């Protein structure tokens, strides 16, 4: 049955194509028939002009009336345009092209004779009438009549052929449409029979699908609850670990300060011994007191400060995960303007420009979360501009169904495609580490995007800049907390 239905629909497609082709052919024939009528009309108009010129000349020679001369002048001005039209319309017909060329030459000769006769009539009417009886303009007029008659006859012959072809095409079109209708009825009847046969099984499948969907919804709800509890546990664990780490860290930082304070009098004592009893001074002890000990204390202090920043970041992420999101309408251009204003001093130092493409679609989300995400992304774009290249940062937003996607594009140093995923991991960074940072910002952005039901993506190549796309729901889900 599937094969039969497929054959039927293929036949319908073929019939539709054949009907379309026939319609196109019919239109072509109609255009050619219209074209032939137009050519005949132009040839007839040319014939009338030739006759009118001769009549106007005779009238002027006999009556010497100005109206006849004016008619002659107005008519002769129309001839070149008509000849050009006939030449253009018969460009596909070599025979007609040859005839119109001969017509053009005869018209030129006739014009010279008629103009000379008209000029002589102005000076000597009697001599003009005598010259009229002797010149060859009447023969030229007869020749032009014969040529235009031949051209019209040729166009009439073409018209008969084209009308016949048009009628044949119309008959073919009716035949194809009749077959198309019969085939459509047959396919429709068979399709109805097949649909009726399978309707019952489709209804049963739909009922089974609804039951399965309900079961899946229950499972998803239960799984979501488990994930929510697991996320809460992770946040509590991070908070507890951070607090537990902070206590020994505070002790290390305090004792580091005491060591640093104790190292100063020790260095002074070494200086005094070296000055008063140099024979008691050991070179290794002096080096340890003056160089090794301060350097080690400096390393300890740097490491503890870094660890303190990391613990603060973990605590910030933990607190952010517990914060209740409060959706509100956000004016994206206004929000971005505020962020850019806080970075304007740094932008001026770097000679960089920020372009905000307006207008931007509306967004309903937690304002603080959106501001934190955009601030991180814009600050990163400024931080990682390519030295020696004028910095350009472009922010745009577009609506796609129920989502709003915000693009932050720059022409900076770019990111290796192999690092596009890892840069969103906590404490992971990419490329040359010549800028301050702990690898927290993008992880924070992704965490906030996930909480809002959105996604963050990166498109970049080394040396070609980077584009971060933040896709957020245009309106928050009803269950979002």
Protein backbone atom coordinates (compact mmCIF):
# COMPACT_ATOMS: atom_id res chain seq x y z
CA UNK A 1 0.00 0.00 0.00
CA UNK A 2 2.89 2.31 0.77
CA UNK A 3 4.34 1.63 -2.68
CA UNK A 4 0.99 2.31 -4.31
CA UNK A 5 0.51 5.56 -2.41
CA UNK A 6 4.07 6.62 -3.26
CA UNK A 7 3.49 5.88 -6.94
CA UNK A 8 0.23 7.82 -6.81
CA UNK A 9 1.83 10.86 -5.25
CA UNK A 10 4.76 10.69 -7.66
CA UNK A 11 2.26 10.59 -10.52
CA UNK A 12 0.49 13.61 -9.04
CA UNK A 13 3.78 15.46 -8.82
CA UNK A 14 4.55 14.55 -12.44
CA UNK A 15 1.07 15.65 -13.54
CA UNK A 16 1.48 18.94 -11.65
CA UNK A 17 4.85 19.47 -13.30
CA UNK A 18 3.43 18.68 -16.73
CA UNK A 19 0.54 21.07 -16.12
CA UNK A 20 2.96 23.75 -15.01
CA UNK A 21 5.12 23.19 -18.08
CA UNK A 22 2.05 23.37 -20.32
CA UNK A 23 0.94 26.59 -18.66
CA UNK A 24 4.37 28.08 -19.29
CA UNK A 25 4.18 26.96 -22.93
CA UNK A 26 0.72 28.48 -23.23
CA UNK A 27 2.02 31.76 -21.85
CA UNK A 28 4.92 31.66 -24.32
CA UNK A 29 2.54 31.12 -27.24
CA UNK A 30 0.32 33.91 -25.96
CA UNK A 31 3.32 36.24 -25.78
CA UNK A 32 4.30 35.36 -29.35
CA UNK A 33 0.74 35.95 -30.58
CA UNK A 34 0.71 39.31 -28.79
CA UNK A 35 4.12 40.04 -30.26
CA UNK A 36 2.87 39.29 -33.78
CA UNK A 37 -0.13 41.58 -33.32
CA UNK A 38 2.22 44.32 -32.14
CA UNK A 39 4.50 43.87 -35.18
CA UNK A 40 1.48 44.03 -37.52
CA UNK A 41 0.27 47.19 -35.81
CA UNK A 42 3.68 48.86 -36.21
CA UNK A 43 3.89 47.84 -39.90
CA UNK A 44 0.38 49.17 -40.52
CA UNK A 45 1.27 52.43 -38.78
CA UNK A 46 4.39 52.69 -40.97
CA UNK A 47 2.25 52.10 -44.08
CA UNK A 48 -0.14 54.86 -42.98
CA UNK A 49 2.77 57.28 -42.44
CA UNK A 50 4.12 56.58 -45.94
CA UNK A 51 0.70 57.29 -47.44
CA UNK A 52 0.21 60.36 -45.26
CA UNK A 53 3.56 61.83 -46.38
CA UNK A 54 2.62 61.48 -50.03
CA UNK A 55 -0.86 62.94 -49.44
CA UNK A 56 0.59 65.87 -47.46
CA UNK A 57 3.12 66.58 -50.23
CA UNK A 58 0.47 66.51 -52.95
CA UNK A 59 -1.81 68.71 -50.90
CA UNK A 60 0.95 71.25 -50.40
CA UNK A 61 1.90 71.26 -54.12
CA UNK A 62 -1.73 71.77 -55.17
CA UNK A 63 -2.93 74.17 -52.49
CA UNK A 64 0.27 75.53 -51.00
CA UNK A 65 -1.57 75.44 -47.68
CA UNK A 66 0.56 75.61 -44.45
CA UNK A 67 -1.48 72.84 -42.80
CA UNK A 68 -0.31 70.37 -45.44
CA UNK A 69 3.31 71.33 -44.83
CA UNK A 70 2.86 71.06 -41.06
CA UNK A 71 1.31 67.60 -41.53
CA UNK A 72 4.31 66.60 -43.67
CA UNK A 73 6.81 67.81 -41.03
CA UNK A 74 4.98 66.11 -38.13
CA UNK A 75 4.64 62.84 -40.06
CA UNK A 76 8.25 62.66 -41.18
CA UNK A 77 9.34 63.07 -37.52
CA UNK A 78 7.45 59.87 -36.56
CA UNK A 79 8.97 57.64 -39.26
CA UNK A 80 12.42 56.89 -37.65
CA UNK A 81 10.81 55.77 -34.41
CA UNK A 82 8.38 53.44 -36.18
CA UNK A 83 11.14 51.95 -38.32
CA UNK A 84 13.28 51.40 -35.20
CA UNK A 85 10.33 49.69 -33.46
CA UNK A 86 9.75 47.33 -36.39
CA UNK A 87 13.48 46.53 -36.58
CA UNK A 88 13.56 45.75 -32.84
CA UNK A 89 10.39 43.65 -32.86
CA UNK A 90 11.51 41.57 -35.87
CA UNK A 91 15.07 40.97 -34.63
CA UNK A 92 14.38 37.20 -34.60
CA UNK A 93 13.20 37.18 -38.26
CA UNK A 94 16.02 37.58 -40.85
CA UNK A 95 13.54 38.00 -43.72
CA UNK A 96 11.72 40.85 -42.02
CA UNK A 97 15.06 42.40 -41.03
CA UNK A 98 16.10 42.50 -44.69
CA UNK A 99 12.76 44.04 -45.67
CA UNK A 100 12.84 46.71 -42.98
CA UNK A 101 16.37 47.60 -44.09
CA UNK A 102 15.10 48.08 -47.65
CA UNK A 103 12.14 50.08 -46.33
CA UNK A 104 14.53 52.35 -44.45
CA UNK A 105 16.56 53.01 -47.58
CA UNK A 106 13.47 53.67 -49.72
CA UNK A 107 12.03 55.98 -47.07
CA UNK A 108 15.29 57.94 -47.02
CA UNK A 109 15.19 58.34 -50.84
CA UNK A 110 11.52 59.27 -50.74
CA UNK A 111 12.19 61.86 -48.04
CA UNK A 112 14.92 63.48 -50.11
CA UNK A 113 12.66 63.69 -53.18
CA UNK A 114 9.66 64.92 -51.18
CA UNK A 115 11.71 67.49 -49.28
CA UNK A 116 13.22 68.81 -52.51
CA UNK A 117 9.75 69.02 -54.05
CA UNK A 118 8.41 70.88 -51.00
CA UNK A 119 11.33 73.30 -51.05
CA UNK A 120 10.81 73.95 -54.80
CA UNK A 121 7.10 74.55 -54.14
CA UNK A 122 8.04 77.36 -51.77
CA UNK A 123 10.03 79.05 -54.55
CA UNK A 124 8.14 78.12 -57.75
CA UNK A 125 4.82 76.24 -57.39
CA UNK A 126 4.42 75.65 -61.13
CA UNK A 127 7.93 74.19 -61.45
CA UNK A 128 7.26 72.01 -58.38
CA UNK A 129 4.15 70.49 -60.02
CA UNK A 130 6.11 69.84 -63.23
CA UNK A 131 8.92 68.18 -61.20
CA UNK A 132 6.33 66.12 -59.32
CA UNK A 133 5.11 64.63 -62.61
CA UNK A 134 8.67 63.66 -63.53
CA UNK A 135 10.23 62.43 -60.22
CA UNK A 136 10.25 58.82 -59.01
CA UNK A 137 8.56 59.39 -55.64
CA UNK A 138 5.36 57.70 -56.81
CA UNK A 139 7.35 54.58 -57.70
CA UNK A 140 9.01 54.65 -54.33
CA UNK A 141 5.61 54.89 -52.65
CA UNK A 142 4.34 51.88 -54.62
CA UNK A 143 7.47 49.94 -53.68
CA UNK A 144 6.97 50.81 -50.01
CA UNK A 145 3.33 49.63 -50.27
CA UNK A 146 4.46 46.31 -51.72
CA UNK A 147 7.14 45.88 -49.05
CA UNK A 148 4.80 46.65 -46.16
CA UNK A 149 2.13 44.36 -47.68
CA UNK A 150 4.71 41.57 -47.86
CA UNK A 151 5.77 42.18 -44.25
CA UNK A 152 2.16 42.09 -43.06
CA UNK A 153 1.50 38.93 -45.02
CA UNK A 154 4.52 37.26 -43.41
CA UNK A 155 3.31 38.31 -39.95
CA UNK A 156 -0.20 37.02 -40.74
CA UNK A 157 1.30 33.66 -41.70
CA UNK A 158 3.24 33.56 -38.41
CA UNK A 159 0.11 34.61 -36.54
CA UNK A 160 -1.87 31.69 -37.96
CA UNK A 161 0.89 29.25 -36.98
CA UNK A 162 1.23 30.65 -33.49
CA UNK A 163 -2.51 30.70 -32.82
CA UNK A 164 -2.67 27.06 -33.93
CA UNK A 165 0.21 26.16 -31.60
CA UNK A 166 -1.49 28.03 -28.77
CA UNK A 167 -4.73 26.09 -29.31
CA UNK A 168 -2.84 22.79 -29.36
CA UNK A 169 -1.13 23.66 -26.09
CA UNK A 170 -4.45 24.63 -24.49
CA UNK A 171 -5.96 21.31 -25.59
CA UNK A 172 -2.98 19.49 -24.08
CA UNK A 173 -3.42 21.47 -20.87
CA UNK A 174 -7.08 20.47 -20.60
CA UNK A 175 -6.16 16.83 -21.23
CA UNK A 176 -3.44 16.91 -18.57
CA UNK A 177 -5.72 18.63 -16.05
CA UNK A 178 -8.43 16.06 -16.71
CA UNK A 179 -5.98 13.21 -16.11
CA UNK A 180 -4.60 15.04 -13.11
CA UNK A 181 -8.08 15.37 -11.61
CA UNK A 182 -8.89 11.69 -12.16
CA UNK A 183 -5.58 10.65 -10.64
CA UNK A 184 -6.08 12.99 -7.68
CA UNK A 185 -9.53 11.47 -7.03
CA UNK A 186 -8.10 7.94 -7.19
CA UNK A 187 -5.25 8.79 -4.80
CA UNK A 188 -7.65 10.60 -2.45
CA UNK A 189 -10.04 7.65 -2.32
CA UNK A 190 -7.24 5.18 -1.68
CA UNK A 191 -5.68 7.48 0.94
CA UNK A 192 -9.01 7.76 2.77
CA UNK A 193 -9.32 3.98 2.81
CA UNK A 194 -5.82 3.60 4.20
CA UNK A 195 -6.36 6.34 6.78
CA UNK A 196 -9.59 4.77 7.98
CA UNK A 197 -7.83 1.43 8.36
CA UNK A 198 -5.06 2.89 10.48
CA UNK A 199 -7.08 5.43 12.45
CA UNK A 200 -7.87 2.93 15.19
CA UNK A 201 -4.23 1.95 15.65
CA UNK A 202 -3.21 5.63 15.68
CA UNK A 203 -5.75 6.37 18.40
CA UNK A 204 -4.43 3.46 20.44
CA UNK A 205 -0.86 4.66 19.90
CA UNK A 206 -1.86 8.17 20.97
CA UNK A 207 -3.43 6.88 24.17
CA UNK A 208 -0.32 4.83 24.89
CA UNK A 209 1.83 7.89 24.21
CA UNK A 210 -0.19 9.97 26.64
CA UNK A 211 0.22 7.33 29.32
CA UNK A 212 3.95 7.14 28.66
CA UNK A 213 4.22 10.94 28.67
CA UNK A 214 2.51 11.09 32.04
CA UNK A 215 4.90 8.47 33.40
CA UNK A 216 7.89 10.32 31.96
CA UNK A 217 6.67 13.59 33.44
CA UNK A 218 6.49 11.95 36.87
CA UNK A 219 9.98 10.56 36.42
CA UNK A 220 11.34 13.92 35.26
CA UNK A 221 9.71 15.64 38.22
CA UNK A 222 11.24 13.12 40.60
CA UNK A 223 14.63 13.39 38.89
CA UNK A 224 14.47 17.18 38.98
CA UNK A 225 13.74 17.05 42.71
CA UNK A 226 16.71 14.73 43.23
CA UNK A 227 18.99 16.99 41.18
CA UNK A 228 17.77 20.03 43.11
CA UNK A 229 18.57 18.29 46.39
CA UNK A 230 21.97 17.23 45.04
CA UNK A 231 22.68 20.80 43.95
CA UNK A 232 21.72 22.09 47.38
CA UNK A 233 24.04 19.52 48.95
CA UNK A 234 26.88 20.59 46.66
CA UNK A 235 26.32 24.24 47.57
CA UNK A 236 26.28 23.43 51.27
CA UNK A 237 29.40 21.33 50.83
CA UNK A 238 31.16 24.17 49.02
CA UNK A 239 30.14 26.60 51.75
CA UNK A 240 31.34 24.28 54.53
CA UNK A 241 34.60 23.45 52.77
CA UNK A 242 35.26 27.12 52.11
CA UNK A 243 34.69 27.96 55.78
CA UNK A 244 36.85 25.04 56.93
CA UNK A 245 39.63 26.11 54.58
CA UNK A 246 39.43 29.72 55.67
CA UNK A 247 40.30 28.98 59.32
CA UNK A 248 43.75 27.40 58.67
CA UNK A 249 44.32 29.92 55.89
CA UNK A 250 43.80 32.80 58.32
CA UNK A 251 46.35 31.17 60.65
CA UNK A 252 48.84 30.77 57.80
CA UNK A 253 48.36 34.39 56.75
CA UNK A 254 48.76 35.57 60.36
CA UNK A 255 51.92 33.56 61.00
CA UNK A 256 53.28 34.71 57.65
CA UNK A 257 52.91 38.27 58.85
CA UNK A 258 54.70 37.38 62.08
CA UNK A 259 57.52 35.71 60.14
CA UNK A 260 57.82 38.77 57.97
CA UNK A 261 57.97 41.00 61.04
CA UNK A 262 60.58 38.72 62.67
CA UNK A 263 62.71 38.64 59.53
CA UNK A 264 63.36 42.38 59.68
CA UNK A 265 65.24 42.44 63.06
CA UNK A 266 67.06 39.26 62.00
CA UNK A 267 68.31 41.01 58.88
CA UNK A 268 69.35 43.99 61.03
CA UNK A 269 71.23 41.64 63.39
CA UNK A 270 73.08 40.09 60.43
CA UNK A 271 74.06 43.56 59.25
CA UNK A 272 75.35 44.44 62.73
CA UNK A 273 77.37 41.23 63.09
CA UNK A 274 78.83 41.73 59.63
CA UNK A 275 79.85 45.24 60.60
CA UNK A 276 81.22 44.55 64.12
CA UNK A 277 82.46 40.94 63.98
CA UNK A 278 82.75 39.86 60.37
CA UNK A 279 84.72 36.74 61.41
CA UNK A 280 81.56 35.41 63.06
CA UNK A 281 79.46 35.89 59.91
CA UNK A 282 78.61 32.86 57.75
CA UNK A 283 77.87 33.67 54.10
CA UNK A 284 75.07 31.10 53.84
CA UNK A 285 73.38 32.46 56.95
CA UNK A 286 73.60 36.02 55.61
CA UNK A 287 72.09 34.95 52.27
CA UNK A 288 69.33 33.03 54.02
CA UNK A 289 68.44 35.96 56.26
CA UNK A 290 68.64 38.65 53.58
CA UNK A 291 67.32 36.85 50.49
CA UNK A 292 65.96 33.33 50.98
CA UNK A 293 63.77 34.05 54.00
CA UNK A 294 62.09 37.23 52.56
CA UNK A 295 61.62 35.48 49.19
CA UNK A 296 60.00 32.44 50.82
CA UNK A 297 57.74 34.63 52.92
CA UNK A 298 56.74 36.51 49.74
CA UNK A 299 55.87 33.24 47.98
CA UNK A 300 53.81 32.12 50.97
CA UNK A 301 51.98 35.45 51.11
CA UNK A 302 51.25 35.37 47.34
CA UNK A 303 49.94 31.80 47.52
CA UNK A 304 47.76 32.48 50.56
CA UNK A 305 46.32 35.59 48.90
CA UNK A 306 45.49 33.56 45.79
CA UNK A 307 43.90 30.85 47.89
CA UNK A 308 41.91 33.51 49.74
CA UNK A 309 40.59 34.84 46.43
CA UNK A 310 39.61 31.33 45.32
CA UNK A 311 37.79 30.64 48.59
CA UNK A 312 35.96 33.97 48.27
CA UNK A 313 34.96 33.02 44.72
CA UNK A 314 33.63 29.64 45.88
CA UNK A 315 31.66 31.36 48.64
CA UNK A 316 30.29 33.88 46.14
CA UNK A 317 29.17 31.10 43.79
CA UNK A 318 27.59 29.25 46.72
CA UNK A 319 25.70 32.35 47.88
CA UNK A 320 24.65 33.12 44.30
CA UNK A 321 23.21 29.63 43.96
CA UNK A 322 21.01 30.22 46.99
CA UNK A 323 19.78 33.66 45.94
CA UNK A 324 16.13 33.82 44.87
CA UNK A 325 15.78 35.06 41.30
CA UNK A 326 13.41 37.99 40.87
CA UNK A 327 12.29 38.41 37.25
CA UNK A 328 11.55 41.92 36.02
CA UNK A 329 11.40 43.67 32.62
CA UNK A 330 14.91 44.67 31.52
CA UNK A 331 15.83 47.43 29.06
CA UNK A 332 18.90 45.76 27.55
CA UNK A 333 20.38 48.88 25.84
CA UNK A 334 20.08 50.87 29.07
CA UNK A 335 21.66 48.05 31.11
CA UNK A 336 24.55 47.68 28.65
CA UNK A 337 25.09 51.44 28.51
CA UNK A 338 25.59 51.42 32.28
CA UNK A 339 28.12 48.59 32.11
CA UNK A 340 30.05 50.26 29.29
CA UNK A 341 30.10 53.55 31.22
CA UNK A 342 31.93 51.85 34.11
CA UNK A 343 34.60 50.62 31.64
CA UNK A 344 34.89 53.83 29.62
CA UNK A 345 38.15 54.91 31.28
CA UNK A 346 39.80 51.61 30.39
CA UNK A 347 38.36 51.74 26.86
CA UNK A 348 39.82 55.22 26.36
CA UNK A 349 43.23 54.00 27.54
CA UNK A 350 43.17 51.14 25.03
CA UNK A 351 41.68 53.23 22.20
CA UNK A 352 38.82 50.70 21.93
CA UNK A 353 35.22 51.33 20.88
CA UNK A 354 32.01 49.60 21.90
CA UNK A 355 29.09 49.50 19.46
CA UNK A 356 25.58 48.67 20.70
CA UNK A 357 23.24 47.66 17.88
CA UNK A 358 19.78 49.01 18.59
CA UNK A 359 16.95 48.27 18.98
CA UNK A 360 17.09 45.17 21.17
CA UNK A 361 14.22 42.82 22.04
CA UNK A 362 12.57 42.92 25.43
CA UNK A 363 13.67 40.56 28.19
CA UNK A 364 12.10 39.55 31.51
CA UNK A 365 14.70 38.05 33.88
CA UNK A 366 16.61 38.62 37.10
CA UNK A 367 18.28 42.00 36.54
CA UNK A 368 21.25 41.39 38.85
CA UNK A 369 22.05 38.03 37.22
CA UNK A 370 21.87 39.46 33.70
CA UNK A 371 24.01 42.44 34.72
CA UNK A 372 26.64 40.15 36.29
CA UNK A 373 26.79 37.93 33.18
CA UNK A 374 27.07 40.82 30.73
CA UNK A 375 29.60 42.61 32.93
CA UNK A 376 31.83 39.52 32.99
CA UNK A 377 31.59 39.01 29.22
CA UNK A 378 32.20 42.68 28.34
CA UNK A 379 35.10 42.97 30.80
CA UNK A 380 36.68 39.83 29.29
CA UNK A 381 36.29 41.32 25.79
CA UNK A 382 38.10 44.47 26.96
CA UNK A 383 40.74 42.52 28.89
CA UNK A 384 41.74 40.26 26.00
CA UNK A 385 41.91 42.74 23.11
CA UNK A 386 44.79 42.22 20.69
CA UNK A 387 47.70 44.63 21.35
CA UNK A 388 48.52 46.79 18.34
CA UNK A 389 45.03 46.43 16.87
CA UNK A 390 42.25 49.03 17.44
CA UNK A 391 39.77 47.26 19.67
CA UNK A 392 36.19 46.87 18.46
CA UNK A 393 33.48 45.32 20.62
CA UNK A 394 29.96 44.88 19.25
CA UNK A 395 26.88 43.99 21.29
CA UNK A 396 23.68 42.88 19.58
CA UNK A 397 20.55 40.97 20.53
CA UNK A 398 17.94 39.08 18.57
CA UNK A 399 14.68 37.33 19.40
CA UNK A 400 14.21 33.73 18.31
CA UNK A 401 10.80 32.34 19.24
CA UNK A 402 10.69 32.34 23.05
CA UNK A 403 14.38 33.17 23.55
CA UNK A 404 16.58 36.25 23.40
CA UNK A 405 20.17 35.75 22.27
CA UNK A 406 22.73 38.41 23.21
CA UNK A 407 26.00 38.38 21.22
CA UNK A 408 29.20 39.97 22.56
CA UNK A 409 31.71 40.03 19.68
CA UNK A 410 35.27 41.40 19.73
CA UNK A 411 38.31 41.47 17.47
CA UNK A 412 40.73 40.46 20.22
CA UNK A 413 43.30 37.69 20.50
CA UNK A 414 40.72 34.90 20.20
CA UNK A 415 40.46 31.47 21.82
CA UNK A 416 41.77 28.13 20.57
CA UNK A 417 38.78 26.00 19.42
CA UNK A 418 40.06 23.17 21.62
CA UNK A 419 39.45 25.38 24.69
CA UNK A 420 35.89 26.49 23.87
CA UNK A 421 34.37 24.14 26.45
CA UNK A 422 37.03 24.19 29.15
CA UNK A 423 36.98 27.99 29.56
CA UNK A 424 33.58 27.64 31.29
CA UNK A 425 35.00 25.25 33.89
CA UNK A 426 35.85 26.57 37.35
CA UNK A 427 39.50 27.77 37.71
CA UNK A 428 40.26 26.97 34.03
CA UNK A 429 41.76 29.56 31.70
CA UNK A 430 42.98 29.54 28.12
CA UNK A 431 45.86 31.09 26.21
CA UNK A 432 48.60 33.36 27.52
CA UNK A 433 48.14 34.09 31.25
CA UNK A 434 49.22 37.74 31.16
CA UNK A 435 46.00 39.18 32.59
CA UNK A 436 44.79 39.02 36.22
CA UNK A 437 42.09 36.46 36.97
CA UNK A 438 41.40 33.15 38.65
CA UNK A 439 39.20 31.42 36.07
CA UNK A 440 35.98 32.23 37.93
CA UNK A 441 34.13 34.67 35.65
CA UNK A 442 32.96 32.41 32.83
CA UNK A 443 32.09 29.61 35.24
CA UNK A 444 29.95 32.13 37.11
CA UNK A 445 28.32 33.23 33.85
CA UNK A 446 27.45 29.65 32.90
CA UNK A 447 26.06 28.90 36.36
CA UNK A 448 23.82 31.99 36.23
CA UNK A 449 22.72 31.19 32.67
CA UNK A 450 21.73 27.67 33.72
CA UNK A 451 19.78 29.02 36.70
CA UNK A 452 17.81 31.29 34.36
CA UNK A 453 17.16 28.40 31.98
CA UNK A 454 19.63 29.71 29.39
CA UNK A 455 22.84 28.71 27.65
CA UNK A 456 26.23 30.31 26.94
CA UNK A 457 28.25 29.48 23.84
CA UNK A 458 31.56 30.60 22.31
CA UNK A 459 32.67 30.92 18.69
CA UNK A 460 36.29 31.92 18.18
CA UNK A 461 39.62 31.25 16.52
CA UNK A 462 43.10 32.36 17.54
CA UNK A 463 43.87 35.87 16.31
CA UNK A 464 40.34 36.41 14.94
CA UNK A 465 38.43 37.60 18.00
CA UNK A 466 35.65 35.85 19.87
CA UNK A 467 31.86 35.91 19.99
CA UNK A 468 30.02 34.84 23.14
CA UNK A 469 26.30 34.12 22.67
CA UNK A 470 24.11 34.26 25.75
CA UNK A 471 20.68 32.71 25.07
CA UNK A 472 18.04 33.39 27.73
CA UNK A 473 14.28 32.77 27.90
CA UNK A 474 12.40 35.91 26.89
CA UNK A 475 10.14 35.29 29.87
CA UNK A 476 10.90 33.14 32.92
CA UNK A 477 9.27 29.77 33.43
CA UNK A 478 6.47 29.71 35.95
CA UNK A 479 8.38 27.36 38.22
CA UNK A 480 11.61 29.31 38.23
CA UNK A 481 12.79 30.25 41.74
